[in-house]
Amino acid sequence: MTESAPAVAIRGLERTFPTAAGDVHALTGIDLDVRPGEFVSLIGPSGCGKSTLLRLIADLDRPTSGELSVFGKPAPRARVDQDYGIAFQQAGLLPWRTVADNVGLPLQLHGARKADRAARVAELLDMVGLAEFAGRFPDQLSGGMQQRVAIARALAEKPKLLLMDEPFGALDEMTREKMQSDLLRIRAETGAAVVFVTHSIPEAVYLSDRVVVMSPRPGRISGILEMRLEGGADRGEDLREDEAYFAMVTAVREALHGGEPAGRGVETR
């Protein structure tokens, strides 16, 4: 891993899907850097290519053209080297494995010693507040708890990049806000960069250092907004009532609808 390299560097990225009815241009002309330790959210209308872009970063799909690197490495090499962890909207836990065994699965697959694995799992479950549930099974947990297990599993091998595709989309509002605060705390403790896909403007603003606004298909980056908010990664719940927070929510909403939120830290494309 090249520590001085961006966590993610993308230049001229294109993704086209051939179909019987003709080519579908999912992404075009994507240029983006994500700095180490930075939290970047991708937001835009359904079908704009947010999840496709995340999958390309994760090497779950390959670009049609353009360049993409993760910590200075080609995406396939970064995947093999476990430079990132990934969490989806569905927790994807194995129902026959306990919470501890689900979290420890990546370590087991990569040959970690049993004692080392147990110590790391204990550390992660403490981090996500689930130490007392180590012996439970997924169907004994709430949806929010299952997502915390999935985040812990994604962090098992201490990645410096976390890729998240609407991980809180299926949760009720109270649980979602609690998970957002938990994620900020975990991000502060680990120092990991985060690329986060969401449809929620308030969620993107609360979590992010920058919000990347994408246009309808073919997906382009139409603007990048810097979140001018107090607290950084240590933001508290009181931020949700802050005037600057509401101003940034308005700025992102205007950018999504093609407005010009001048003076609010927006870089248009």
Protein backbone atom coordinates (compact mmCIF):
# COMPACT_ATOMS: atom_id res chain seq x y z
CA MET A 1 0.00 0.00 0.00
CA THR A 2 1.36 3.43 -1.00
CA GLU A 3 0.52 5.60 2.00
CA SER A 4 1.00 8.87 0.08
CA ALA A 5 -1.41 7.79 -2.68
CA PRO A 6 -5.11 8.69 -2.59
CA ALA A 7 -7.37 6.07 -1.05
CA VAL A 8 -9.19 6.06 -4.40
CA ALA A 9 -8.06 7.73 -7.63
CA ILE A 10 -10.34 7.69 -10.69
CA ARG A 11 -9.63 9.23 -14.08
CA GLY A 12 -11.87 9.21 -17.16
CA LEU A 13 -13.88 6.21 -15.95
CA GLU A 14 -16.55 4.80 -18.26
CA ARG A 15 -18.88 1.85 -17.81
CA THR A 16 -21.08 0.67 -20.65
CA PHE A 17 -23.34 -2.39 -20.51
CA PRO A 18 -24.18 -4.03 -23.86
CA THR A 19 -27.80 -5.13 -24.18
CA ALA A 20 -29.99 -6.52 -26.94
CA ALA A 21 -31.53 -3.06 -27.32
CA GLY A 22 -28.17 -1.33 -27.54
CA ASP A 23 -25.46 -0.11 -25.20
CA VAL A 24 -26.44 1.34 -21.82
CA HIS A 25 -24.01 4.04 -20.68
CA ALA A 26 -24.03 3.72 -16.89
CA LEU A 27 -21.06 6.00 -16.14
CA THR A 28 -19.12 8.47 -18.23
CA GLY A 29 -16.21 10.82 -17.61
CA ILE A 30 -15.81 10.06 -13.89
CA ASP A 31 -12.86 11.84 -12.24
CA LEU A 32 -12.55 11.60 -8.47
CA ASP A 33 -9.97 11.40 -5.70
CA VAL A 34 -10.76 10.23 -2.17
CA ARG A 35 -8.09 11.16 0.35
CA PRO A 36 -6.87 8.75 3.05
CA GLY A 37 -9.16 9.03 6.07
CA GLU A 38 -11.78 11.04 4.16
CA PHE A 39 -15.53 10.32 4.24
CA VAL A 40 -17.12 10.80 0.79
CA SER A 41 -20.78 10.15 0.02
CA LEU A 42 -22.16 9.46 -3.46
CA ILE A 43 -25.69 10.75 -3.96
CA GLY A 44 -27.96 11.05 -6.97
CA PRO A 45 -31.21 9.78 -8.51
CA SER A 46 -31.91 6.08 -8.86
CA GLY A 47 -30.06 4.60 -11.81
CA CYS A 48 -27.33 7.26 -11.90
CA GLY A 49 -24.56 4.70 -11.35
CA LYS A 50 -23.69 5.23 -7.67
CA SER A 51 -23.64 1.54 -6.85
CA THR A 52 -21.94 0.73 -10.16
CA LEU A 53 -19.13 3.13 -9.25
CA LEU A 54 -18.77 1.53 -5.82
CA ARG A 55 -18.64 -1.93 -7.41
CA LEU A 56 -15.90 -0.78 -9.77
CA ILE A 57 -13.83 0.49 -6.84
CA ALA A 58 -14.37 -2.87 -5.11
CA ASP A 59 -13.37 -4.82 -8.25
CA LEU A 60 -16.78 -6.49 -8.30
CA ASP A 61 -17.09 -5.15 -11.85
CA ARG A 62 -14.58 -3.84 -14.40
CA PRO A 63 -14.67 -0.45 -16.17
CA THR A 64 -15.11 -0.23 -19.93
CA SER A 65 -12.33 2.36 -20.02
CA GLY A 66 -10.47 4.79 -17.78
CA GLU A 67 -8.16 4.39 -14.80
CA LEU A 68 -8.94 3.41 -11.21
CA SER A 69 -6.56 2.75 -8.34
CA VAL A 70 -6.90 2.05 -4.62
CA PHE A 71 -3.94 3.28 -2.56
CA GLY A 72 -1.91 3.41 -5.75
CA LYS A 73 -2.76 -0.16 -6.77
CA PRO A 74 -5.02 -1.47 -9.54
CA ALA A 75 -8.40 -2.42 -8.07
CA PRO A 76 -7.88 -6.19 -8.59
CA ARG A 77 -4.60 -6.05 -6.62
CA ALA A 78 -6.23 -4.02 -3.84
CA ARG A 79 -8.99 -6.63 -3.59
CA VAL A 80 -6.51 -9.48 -3.29
CA ASP A 81 -4.53 -7.52 -0.70
CA GLN A 82 -7.70 -6.84 1.33
CA ASP A 83 -7.07 -3.08 1.29
CA TYR A 84 -10.77 -2.36 1.70
CA GLY A 85 -13.81 -3.73 3.51
CA ILE A 86 -17.31 -3.62 2.07
CA ALA A 87 -20.83 -3.50 3.53
CA PHE A 88 -24.14 -3.61 1.65
CA GLN A 89 -27.75 -2.72 2.46
CA GLN A 90 -28.36 -6.34 3.45
CA ALA A 91 -25.99 -7.47 6.18
CA GLY A 92 -25.35 -10.77 4.40
CA LEU A 93 -24.58 -12.70 7.59
CA LEU A 94 -24.38 -16.49 7.56
CA PRO A 95 -27.36 -17.65 9.64
CA TRP A 96 -25.66 -20.83 10.89
CA ARG A 97 -22.66 -18.93 12.30
CA THR A 98 -22.65 -16.98 15.55
CA VAL A 99 -22.01 -13.26 15.63
CA ALA A 100 -18.39 -13.88 16.59
CA ASP A 101 -17.93 -16.45 13.83
CA ASN A 102 -19.47 -14.11 11.23
CA VAL A 103 -17.12 -11.30 12.22
CA GLY A 104 -14.11 -13.63 12.23
CA LEU A 105 -14.89 -15.24 8.85
CA PRO A 106 -12.47 -13.08 6.76
CA LEU A 107 -9.69 -13.81 9.25
CA GLN A 108 -10.44 -17.53 9.16
CA LEU A 109 -10.45 -17.57 5.36
CA HIS A 110 -7.03 -15.93 5.33
CA GLY A 111 -5.50 -18.36 7.80
CA ALA A 112 -5.28 -16.22 10.96
CA ARG A 113 -4.39 -18.19 14.08
CA LYS A 114 -7.33 -19.03 16.32
CA ALA A 115 -6.02 -16.98 19.26
CA ASP A 116 -5.32 -13.95 17.05
CA ARG A 117 -8.73 -14.31 15.45
CA ALA A 118 -10.49 -14.45 18.81
CA ALA A 119 -8.65 -11.36 20.05
CA ARG A 120 -9.49 -9.35 16.92
CA VAL A 121 -13.15 -10.42 16.99
CA ALA A 122 -13.42 -9.39 20.65
CA GLU A 123 -11.89 -6.00 19.81
CA LEU A 124 -14.31 -5.45 16.92
CA LEU A 125 -17.42 -6.51 18.83
CA ASP A 126 -16.47 -4.13 21.61
CA MET A 127 -16.00 -1.37 19.02
CA VAL A 128 -19.52 -1.86 17.62
CA GLY A 129 -21.10 -2.37 21.06
CA LEU A 130 -22.01 -6.03 20.62
CA ALA A 131 -19.56 -7.82 22.91
CA GLU A 132 -22.36 -9.42 24.91
CA PHE A 133 -23.95 -10.84 21.74
CA ALA A 134 -20.89 -12.76 20.50
CA GLY A 135 -22.59 -16.13 20.93
CA ARG A 136 -25.94 -15.16 19.41
CA PHE A 137 -27.09 -15.98 15.89
CA PRO A 138 -28.13 -13.38 13.29
CA ASP A 139 -31.86 -14.13 13.58
CA GLN A 140 -31.63 -13.20 17.27
CA LEU A 141 -30.52 -9.65 16.42
CA SER A 142 -32.36 -6.54 15.27
CA GLY A 143 -31.68 -5.11 11.82
CA GLY A 144 -29.44 -2.40 13.25
CA MET A 145 -27.45 -4.93 15.24
CA GLN A 146 -27.00 -7.11 12.16
CA GLN A 147 -25.61 -4.10 10.28
CA ARG A 148 -23.15 -3.45 13.09
CA VAL A 149 -21.98 -7.06 12.78
CA ALA A 150 -21.56 -6.54 9.03
CA ILE A 151 -19.49 -3.39 9.64
CA ALA A 152 -17.34 -5.23 12.18
CA ARG A 153 -16.76 -8.03 9.65
CA ALA A 154 -15.81 -5.46 7.00
CA LEU A 155 -13.19 -4.06 9.39
CA ALA A 156 -11.80 -7.45 10.41
CA GLU A 157 -8.54 -7.14 8.48
CA LYS A 158 -7.98 -3.49 9.41
CA PRO A 159 -8.64 -2.02 5.95
CA LYS A 160 -7.90 1.66 5.41
CA LEU A 161 -10.90 1.98 3.10
CA LEU A 162 -14.52 1.07 3.79
CA LEU A 163 -16.99 0.82 0.89
CA MET A 164 -20.66 1.04 1.91
CA ASP A 165 -23.70 0.71 -0.37
CA GLU A 166 -26.78 2.09 1.43
CA PRO A 167 -26.04 0.07 4.58
CA PHE A 168 -28.74 1.85 6.62
CA GLY A 169 -31.40 2.08 3.90
CA ALA A 170 -33.69 -0.59 5.38
CA LEU A 171 -33.56 0.70 8.98
CA ASP A 172 -36.14 2.80 10.80
CA GLU A 173 -35.25 6.47 11.30
CA MET A 174 -34.22 6.25 14.96
CA THR A 175 -32.00 3.22 14.36
CA ARG A 176 -30.58 4.84 11.23
CA GLU A 177 -29.53 7.98 13.11
CA LYS A 178 -27.94 5.87 15.85
CA MET A 179 -26.02 3.87 13.22
CA GLN A 180 -24.82 7.07 11.57
CA SER A 181 -23.37 8.27 14.87
CA ASP A 182 -21.82 4.85 15.49
CA LEU A 183 -20.24 4.90 12.03
CA LEU A 184 -18.65 8.29 12.64
CA ARG A 185 -17.21 7.01 15.93
CA ILE A 186 -15.87 3.84 14.26
CA ARG A 187 -14.39 5.87 11.41
CA ALA A 188 -12.64 8.14 13.95
CA GLU A 189 -11.26 5.13 15.83
CA THR A 190 -9.99 3.31 12.73
CA GLY A 191 -8.89 6.24 10.57
CA ALA A 192 -10.36 4.50 7.52
CA ALA A 193 -11.49 6.37 4.44
CA VAL A 194 -15.16 5.75 3.57
CA VAL A 195 -16.99 5.81 0.25
CA PHE A 196 -20.70 5.73 1.08
CA VAL A 197 -23.67 5.39 -1.29
CA THR A 198 -26.96 6.90 -0.08
CA HIS A 199 -30.25 8.36 -1.32
CA SER A 200 -30.63 10.43 1.85
CA ILE A 201 -29.49 14.06 1.72
CA PRO A 202 -29.47 14.53 5.54
CA GLU A 203 -27.48 11.30 5.94
CA ALA A 204 -24.91 12.37 3.35
CA VAL A 205 -24.48 15.78 4.99
CA TYR A 206 -24.22 14.44 8.54
CA LEU A 207 -21.61 11.82 7.69
CA SER A 208 -19.44 13.34 5.01
CA ASP A 209 -16.40 15.50 4.52
CA ARG A 210 -17.49 15.86 0.88
CA VAL A 211 -20.67 14.93 -0.98
CA VAL A 212 -20.38 13.87 -4.62
CA VAL A 213 -23.55 14.68 -6.57
CA MET A 214 -24.24 12.51 -9.62
CA SER A 215 -26.46 13.22 -12.61
CA PRO A 216 -29.10 10.93 -14.15
CA ARG A 217 -27.81 8.25 -16.53
CA PRO A 218 -25.34 8.33 -18.05
CA GLY A 219 -23.93 8.97 -14.60
CA ARG A 220 -21.58 11.93 -14.32
CA ILE A 221 -20.25 13.87 -11.36
CA SER A 222 -22.20 17.13 -11.58
CA GLY A 223 -20.83 18.63 -8.37
CA ILE A 224 -18.69 18.02 -5.31
CA LEU A 225 -19.66 19.83 -2.13
CA GLU A 226 -17.39 20.26 0.86
CA MET A 227 -19.35 19.96 4.11
CA ARG A 228 -18.49 23.06 6.12
CA LEU A 229 -19.52 21.68 9.48
CA GLU A 230 -18.06 21.71 12.98
CA GLY A 231 -16.68 18.60 14.65
CA GLY A 232 -15.21 16.68 11.75
CA ALA A 233 -15.35 12.95 12.48
CA ASP A 234 -16.39 13.76 16.08
CA ARG A 235 -19.73 15.32 15.11
CA GLY A 236 -22.41 14.94 17.75
CA GLU A 237 -26.18 14.60 17.60
CA ASP A 238 -26.59 18.34 18.22
CA LEU A 239 -25.22 18.94 14.73
CA ARG A 240 -28.60 17.88 13.34
CA GLU A 241 -30.10 21.06 14.84
CA ASP A 242 -27.29 23.37 13.70
CA GLU A 243 -27.93 26.15 11.19
CA ALA A 244 -24.84 25.19 9.17
CA TYR A 245 -26.17 21.62 8.85
CA PHE A 246 -29.48 22.83 7.40
CA ALA A 247 -27.60 25.14 5.04
CA MET A 248 -25.57 22.19 3.71
CA VAL A 249 -28.72 20.05 3.32
CA THR A 250 -30.17 22.88 1.21
CA ALA A 251 -26.95 23.14 -0.81
CA VAL A 252 -26.94 19.42 -1.64
CA ARG A 253 -30.65 19.50 -2.51
CA GLU A 254 -30.09 22.44 -4.87
CA ALA A 255 -27.15 20.67 -6.49
CA LEU A 256 -29.25 17.54 -7.02
CA HIS A 257 -31.97 19.57 -8.68
CA GLY A 258 -29.55 21.45 -10.91
CA GLY A 259 -29.38 24.63 -8.88
CA GLU A 260 -26.31 26.71 -8.19
CA PRO A 261 -25.56 26.73 -4.46
CA ALA A 262 -23.04 29.53 -4.85
CA GLY A 263 -20.71 30.22 -1.97
CA ARG A 264 -21.37 26.91 -0.27
CA GLY A 265 -18.23 25.05 -1.23
CA VAL A 266 -19.50 23.39 -4.36
CA GLU A 267 -17.23 22.38 -7.20
CA THR A 268 -19.36 21.93 -10.32
CA ARG A 269 -18.44 19.66 -13.19
